[in-house]
């Protein structure tokens, strides 16, 4: 597979700079609005207090980062936005009006400071990937030999889903939203309601 090694310009380059800064422990933005933009678009006090998020993604520490990269590229159609010897940043395709997804992997022998986190152990995390047709994705995964750790199941809470496990040990729950069974959610009201 031929992956983009290092972006050199444009939004991908700015994204890569931001990722490198984040991983290194710096909280630098990839690009900053110009002073003129602030002058022309004065924010209200409420807008000034709101945090603006450019992206939010899991960063999974694993020695199998390139195997994980290949897993998401092959089975989910993700693109490699940036990679280095110790870091891989992926983007999943959008479906309709959705924004898609981003995901990153880092080798435990990374040069950022402080060291850590430790390598992911495979416990305590499920990555949910919502799709529009879980049945078709399940058939594709099954035919390709990808690991299936929970079969395609229609859940009464309103999902058709199956689970796989990526090479980093992350459980991946592939879900399609469906109609819940009548009365299901009434049995589980939010606290205080």
C-alpha atoms as a PDB file:
ATOM      1  CA  UNK A   1       0.000   0.000   0.000  1.00  0.00           C
ATOM      2  CA  UNK A   2       1.230   3.458  -0.815  1.00  0.00           C
ATOM      3  CA  UNK A   3       0.593   6.008   1.949  1.00  0.00           C
ATOM      4  CA  UNK A   4       1.290   9.692   2.124  1.00  0.00           C
ATOM      5  CA  UNK A   5       4.412  10.096   4.221  1.00  0.00           C
ATOM      6  CA  UNK A   6       4.544  13.777   5.154  1.00  0.00           C
ATOM      7  CA  UNK A   7       2.218  16.477   3.957  1.00  0.00           C
ATOM      8  CA  UNK A   8       3.962  19.616   2.768  1.00  0.00           C
ATOM      9  CA  UNK A   9       1.190  22.164   2.302  1.00  0.00           C
ATOM     10  CA  UNK A  10      -2.476  22.965   2.743  1.00  0.00           C
ATOM     11  CA  UNK A  11      -4.930  21.822   5.413  1.00  0.00           C
ATOM     12  CA  UNK A  12      -3.339  18.398   5.802  1.00  0.00           C
ATOM     13  CA  UNK A  13      -0.014  20.050   6.610  1.00  0.00           C
ATOM     14  CA  UNK A  14      -1.690  22.296   9.203  1.00  0.00           C
ATOM     15  CA  UNK A  15      -3.401  19.242  10.674  1.00  0.00           C
ATOM     16  CA  UNK A  16      -0.078  17.388  10.831  1.00  0.00           C
ATOM     17  CA  UNK A  17       1.537  20.332  12.623  1.00  0.00           C
ATOM     18  CA  UNK A  18      -1.275  20.349  15.153  1.00  0.00           C
ATOM     19  CA  UNK A  19      -0.975  16.613  15.712  1.00  0.00           C
ATOM     20  CA  UNK A  20       2.769  16.838  16.200  1.00  0.00           C
ATOM     21  CA  UNK A  21       2.272  19.653  18.693  1.00  0.00           C
ATOM     22  CA  UNK A  22      -0.401  17.723  20.562  1.00  0.00           C
ATOM     23  CA  UNK A  23       1.656  14.575  20.754  1.00  0.00           C
ATOM     24  CA  UNK A  24       4.666  16.595  21.906  1.00  0.00           C
ATOM     25  CA  UNK A  25       2.539  18.026  24.693  1.00  0.00           C
ATOM     26  CA  UNK A  26       2.048  21.506  23.204  1.00  0.00           C
ATOM     27  CA  UNK A  27      -1.417  22.957  22.816  1.00  0.00           C
ATOM     28  CA  UNK A  28      -0.791  24.849  19.587  1.00  0.00           C
ATOM     29  CA  UNK A  29      -3.410  25.400  16.930  1.00  0.00           C
ATOM     30  CA  UNK A  30      -2.604  24.371  13.387  1.00  0.00           C
ATOM     31  CA  UNK A  31      -3.713  27.734  12.071  1.00  0.00           C
ATOM     32  CA  UNK A  32      -4.796  30.899  13.843  1.00  0.00           C
ATOM     33  CA  UNK A  33      -7.380  33.391  12.645  1.00  0.00           C
ATOM     34  CA  UNK A  34      -5.952  36.733  11.601  1.00  0.00           C
ATOM     35  CA  UNK A  35      -6.319  39.857  13.718  1.00  0.00           C
ATOM     36  CA  UNK A  36      -8.554  41.308  10.997  1.00  0.00           C
ATOM     37  CA  UNK A  37     -10.913  38.356  11.369  1.00  0.00           C
ATOM     38  CA  UNK A  38     -11.302  39.133  15.062  1.00  0.00           C
ATOM     39  CA  UNK A  39     -11.922  42.828  14.359  1.00  0.00           C
ATOM     40  CA  UNK A  40     -14.581  42.093  11.725  1.00  0.00           C
ATOM     41  CA  UNK A  41     -16.306  39.368  13.697  1.00  0.00           C
ATOM     42  CA  UNK A  42     -16.393  40.565  17.280  1.00  0.00           C
ATOM     43  CA  UNK A  43     -17.598  37.717  19.493  1.00  0.00           C
ATOM     44  CA  UNK A  44     -20.175  38.101  22.215  1.00  0.00           C
ATOM     45  CA  UNK A  45     -18.995  37.310  25.758  1.00  0.00           C
ATOM     46  CA  UNK A  46     -20.825  33.968  25.569  1.00  0.00           C
ATOM     47  CA  UNK A  47     -19.080  33.058  22.278  1.00  0.00           C
ATOM     48  CA  UNK A  48     -15.707  34.013  23.760  1.00  0.00           C
ATOM     49  CA  UNK A  49     -16.237  31.522  26.584  1.00  0.00           C
ATOM     50  CA  UNK A  50     -17.207  28.631  24.323  1.00  0.00           C
ATOM     51  CA  UNK A  51     -14.353  26.318  23.435  1.00  0.00           C
ATOM     52  CA  UNK A  52     -14.047  25.724  19.704  1.00  0.00           C
ATOM     53  CA  UNK A  53     -13.083  22.135  18.895  1.00  0.00           C
ATOM     54  CA  UNK A  54     -11.395  21.458  15.557  1.00  0.00           C
ATOM     55  CA  UNK A  55     -11.257  17.692  16.045  1.00  0.00           C
ATOM     56  CA  UNK A  56     -11.585  15.085  18.763  1.00  0.00           C
ATOM     57  CA  UNK A  57     -10.233  11.604  18.296  1.00  0.00           C
ATOM     58  CA  UNK A  58      -8.838   8.668  20.254  1.00  0.00           C
ATOM     59  CA  UNK A  59      -5.056   8.306  20.230  1.00  0.00           C
ATOM     60  CA  UNK A  60      -4.258   4.645  20.846  1.00  0.00           C
ATOM     61  CA  UNK A  61      -0.748   3.673  21.884  1.00  0.00           C
ATOM     62  CA  UNK A  62       0.318   0.369  20.328  1.00  0.00           C
ATOM     63  CA  UNK A  63       3.377  -1.259  18.789  1.00  0.00           C
ATOM     64  CA  UNK A  64       1.004  -2.462  16.024  1.00  0.00           C
ATOM     65  CA  UNK A  65       0.244   1.023  14.677  1.00  0.00           C
ATOM     66  CA  UNK A  66       0.962   0.142  11.035  1.00  0.00           C
ATOM     67  CA  UNK A  67      -1.076  -3.046  11.239  1.00  0.00           C
ATOM     68  CA  UNK A  68      -3.901  -0.969  12.758  1.00  0.00           C
ATOM     69  CA  UNK A  69      -3.482   1.568   9.937  1.00  0.00           C
ATOM     70  CA  UNK A  70      -3.852  -1.187   7.333  1.00  0.00           C
ATOM     71  CA  UNK A  71      -6.903  -2.609   9.151  1.00  0.00           C
ATOM     72  CA  UNK A  72      -8.813   0.691   8.990  1.00  0.00           C
ATOM     73  CA  UNK A  73      -7.678   1.485   5.448  1.00  0.00           C
ATOM     74  CA  UNK A  74      -8.628  -1.984   4.181  1.00  0.00           C
ATOM     75  CA  UNK A  75     -11.873  -2.610   6.058  1.00  0.00           C
ATOM     76  CA  UNK A  76     -13.280   0.887   6.655  1.00  0.00           C
ATOM     77  CA  UNK A  77     -11.871   2.861   3.730  1.00  0.00           C
ATOM     78  CA  UNK A  78      -9.981   5.310   5.946  1.00  0.00           C
ATOM     79  CA  UNK A  79      -7.362   7.600   4.415  1.00  0.00           C
ATOM     80  CA  UNK A  80      -3.931   8.217   5.904  1.00  0.00           C
ATOM     81  CA  UNK A  81      -3.702  11.958   6.536  1.00  0.00           C
ATOM     82  CA  UNK A  82      -0.298  11.815   8.209  1.00  0.00           C
ATOM     83  CA  UNK A  83       2.187   9.180   9.276  1.00  0.00           C
ATOM     84  CA  UNK A  84       5.677   9.036  10.676  1.00  0.00           C
ATOM     85  CA  UNK A  85       7.717   6.221  12.187  1.00  0.00           C
ATOM     86  CA  UNK A  86       5.830   6.524  15.495  1.00  0.00           C
ATOM     87  CA  UNK A  87       2.480   8.139  14.627  1.00  0.00           C
ATOM     88  CA  UNK A  88      -0.423   7.501  12.218  1.00  0.00           C
ATOM     89  CA  UNK A  89      -3.435   9.817  11.764  1.00  0.00           C
ATOM     90  CA  UNK A  90      -6.437   8.468   9.825  1.00  0.00           C
ATOM     91  CA  UNK A  91      -9.660   9.924   8.468  1.00  0.00           C
ATOM     92  CA  UNK A  92     -12.794   7.938   7.721  1.00  0.00           C
ATOM     93  CA  UNK A  93     -15.087   8.881   4.853  1.00  0.00           C
ATOM     94  CA  UNK A  94     -18.246  10.835   5.569  1.00  0.00           C
ATOM     95  CA  UNK A  95     -21.666   9.352   4.837  1.00  0.00           C
ATOM     96  CA  UNK A  96     -24.025  11.955   3.422  1.00  0.00           C
ATOM     97  CA  UNK A  97     -24.052  15.043   5.615  1.00  0.00           C
ATOM     98  CA  UNK A  98     -21.946  13.495   8.384  1.00  0.00           C
ATOM     99  CA  UNK A  99     -18.393  14.652   9.038  1.00  0.00           C
ATOM    100  CA  UNK A 100     -16.723  11.247   8.961  1.00  0.00           C
ATOM    101  CA  UNK A 101     -14.250  10.330  11.679  1.00  0.00           C
ATOM    102  CA  UNK A 102     -10.625  10.631  12.703  1.00  0.00           C
ATOM    103  CA  UNK A 103      -8.467   8.193  14.594  1.00  0.00           C
ATOM    104  CA  UNK A 104      -4.783   8.068  15.522  1.00  0.00           C
ATOM    105  CA  UNK A 105      -2.244   5.491  16.645  1.00  0.00           C
ATOM    106  CA  UNK A 106       1.085   6.096  18.358  1.00  0.00           C
ATOM    107  CA  UNK A 107       4.000   3.721  18.990  1.00  0.00           C
ATOM    108  CA  UNK A 108       4.962   3.282  22.673  1.00  0.00           C
ATOM    109  CA  UNK A 109       8.545   4.292  21.788  1.00  0.00           C
ATOM    110  CA  UNK A 110       7.458   7.790  20.753  1.00  0.00           C
ATOM    111  CA  UNK A 111       9.714  10.803  21.381  1.00  0.00           C
ATOM    112  CA  UNK A 112       7.128  13.076  23.042  1.00  0.00           C
ATOM    113  CA  UNK A 113       7.630  14.358  26.542  1.00  0.00           C
ATOM    114  CA  UNK A 114       6.400  13.406  29.081  1.00  0.00           C
ATOM    115  CA  UNK A 115       6.519   9.711  28.229  1.00  0.00           C
ATOM    116  CA  UNK A 116       3.396   7.588  28.195  1.00  0.00           C
ATOM    117  CA  UNK A 117       0.704   6.653  27.967  1.00  0.00           C
ATOM    118  CA  UNK A 118       1.369   2.977  28.276  1.00  0.00           C
ATOM    119  CA  UNK A 119       0.470   0.621  25.438  1.00  0.00           C
ATOM    120  CA  UNK A 120      -3.225  -0.111  25.170  1.00  0.00           C
ATOM    121  CA  UNK A 121      -4.036  -3.416  26.889  1.00  0.00           C
ATOM    122  CA  UNK A 122      -7.242  -4.203  24.996  1.00  0.00           C
ATOM    123  CA  UNK A 123      -9.476  -3.613  28.018  1.00  0.00           C
ATOM    124  CA  UNK A 124     -11.927  -0.861  28.814  1.00  0.00           C
ATOM    125  CA  UNK A 125     -12.481   0.680  25.394  1.00  0.00           C
ATOM    126  CA  UNK A 126     -14.948   0.129  22.577  1.00  0.00           C
ATOM    127  CA  UNK A 127     -14.686   2.183  19.408  1.00  0.00           C
ATOM    128  CA  UNK A 128     -18.143   2.586  17.856  1.00  0.00           C
ATOM    129  CA  UNK A 129     -18.386   3.055  14.095  1.00  0.00           C
ATOM    130  CA  UNK A 130     -21.885   4.010  12.957  1.00  0.00           C
ATOM    131  CA  UNK A 131     -22.751   2.957   9.410  1.00  0.00           C
ATOM    132  CA  UNK A 132     -25.910   3.055   7.310  1.00  0.00           C
ATOM    133  CA  UNK A 133     -25.884  -0.685   6.418  1.00  0.00           C
ATOM    134  CA  UNK A 134     -24.351  -2.971   9.056  1.00  0.00           C
ATOM    135  CA  UNK A 135     -25.498  -6.092   7.181  1.00  0.00           C
ATOM    136  CA  UNK A 136     -23.459  -5.208   4.088  1.00  0.00           C
ATOM    137  CA  UNK A 137     -20.403  -4.270   6.172  1.00  0.00           C
ATOM    138  CA  UNK A 138     -20.704  -7.527   8.128  1.00  0.00           C
ATOM    139  CA  UNK A 139     -20.801  -9.533   4.887  1.00  0.00           C
ATOM    140  CA  UNK A 140     -17.696  -7.709   3.634  1.00  0.00           C
ATOM    141  CA  UNK A 141     -15.826  -8.272   6.921  1.00  0.00           C
ATOM    142  CA  UNK A 142     -16.789 -11.945   7.018  1.00  0.00           C
ATOM    143  CA  UNK A 143     -15.693 -12.499   3.409  1.00  0.00           C
ATOM    144  CA  UNK A 144     -12.347 -10.777   4.003  1.00  0.00           C
ATOM    145  CA  UNK A 145     -11.475 -12.884   7.037  1.00  0.00           C
ATOM    146  CA  UNK A 146     -11.510  -9.971   9.482  1.00  0.00           C
ATOM    147  CA  UNK A 147     -12.026 -11.150  13.060  1.00  0.00           C
ATOM    148  CA  UNK A 148     -15.670 -11.219  14.186  1.00  0.00           C
ATOM    149  CA  UNK A 149     -15.950 -11.261  17.979  1.00  0.00           C
ATOM    150  CA  UNK A 150     -19.735 -10.666  18.146  1.00  0.00           C
ATOM    151  CA  UNK A 151     -22.019 -11.723  15.282  1.00  0.00           C
ATOM    152  CA  UNK A 152     -24.472  -9.486  13.469  1.00  0.00           C
ATOM    153  CA  UNK A 153     -27.298  -8.983  15.963  1.00  0.00           C
ATOM    154  CA  UNK A 154     -30.478  -6.902  16.096  1.00  0.00           C
ATOM    155  CA  UNK A 155     -30.529  -5.341  19.560  1.00  0.00           C
ATOM    156  CA  UNK A 156     -33.776  -4.338  21.232  1.00  0.00           C
ATOM    157  CA  UNK A 157     -32.347  -0.931  22.189  1.00  0.00           C
ATOM    158  CA  UNK A 158     -32.323   0.035  18.502  1.00  0.00           C
ATOM    159  CA  UNK A 159     -29.168  -1.142  16.784  1.00  0.00           C
ATOM    160  CA  UNK A 160     -28.092  -3.763  14.281  1.00  0.00           C
ATOM    161  CA  UNK A 161     -24.462  -4.431  15.145  1.00  0.00           C
ATOM    162  CA  UNK A 162     -21.450  -6.679  15.100  1.00  0.00           C
ATOM    163  CA  UNK A 163     -18.033  -6.407  16.697  1.00  0.00           C
ATOM    164  CA  UNK A 164     -14.523  -6.902  15.417  1.00  0.00           C
ATOM    165  CA  UNK A 165     -11.113  -6.328  17.022  1.00  0.00           C
ATOM    166  CA  UNK A 166      -8.360  -4.292  15.406  1.00  0.00           C
ATOM    167  CA  UNK A 167      -4.640  -5.253  15.532  1.00  0.00           C
ATOM    168  CA  UNK A 168      -4.094  -2.853  18.470  1.00  0.00           C
ATOM    169  CA  UNK A 169      -6.629  -4.853  20.502  1.00  0.00           C
ATOM    170  CA  UNK A 170      -9.448  -2.278  20.328  1.00  0.00           C
ATOM    171  CA  UNK A 171     -12.972  -3.703  20.188  1.00  0.00           C
ATOM    172  CA  UNK A 172     -14.755  -2.083  17.255  1.00  0.00           C
ATOM    173  CA  UNK A 173     -18.548  -2.031  17.453  1.00  0.00           C
ATOM    174  CA  UNK A 174     -20.024  -1.515  13.979  1.00  0.00           C
ATOM    175  CA  UNK A 175     -23.577  -0.248  14.434  1.00  0.00           C
ATOM    176  CA  UNK A 176     -26.572   0.761  12.361  1.00  0.00           C
ATOM    177  CA  UNK A 177     -29.332   2.677  14.140  1.00  0.00           C
ATOM    178  CA  UNK A 178     -32.728   0.917  14.013  1.00  0.00           C
ATOM    179  CA  UNK A 179     -36.061   1.325  15.797  1.00  0.00           C
ATOM    180  CA  UNK A 180     -35.900   0.220  19.446  1.00  0.00           C
ATOM    181  CA  UNK A 181     -38.386  -2.309  20.757  1.00  0.00           C
ATOM    182  CA  UNK A 182     -41.538  -0.588  22.036  1.00  0.00           C
ATOM    183  CA  UNK A 183     -41.052   0.509  25.647  1.00  0.00           C
ATOM    184  CA  UNK A 184     -37.369  -0.440  25.820  1.00  0.00           C
ATOM    185  CA  UNK A 185     -35.984   2.981  26.772  1.00  0.00           C
ATOM    186  CA  UNK A 186     -38.817   3.721  29.204  1.00  0.00           C
ATOM    187  CA  UNK A 187     -37.217   1.042  31.437  1.00  0.00           C
ATOM    188  CA  UNK A 188     -33.987   3.062  31.578  1.00  0.00           C
ATOM    189  CA  UNK A 189     -34.829   6.710  32.312  1.00  0.00           C
ATOM    190  CA  UNK A 190     -32.006   9.201  32.733  1.00  0.00           C
ATOM    191  CA  UNK A 191     -31.233  10.011  36.385  1.00  0.00           C
ATOM    192  CA  UNK A 192     -33.481  12.703  37.815  1.00  0.00           C
ATOM    193  CA  UNK A 193     -36.276  12.177  35.289  1.00  0.00           C
END
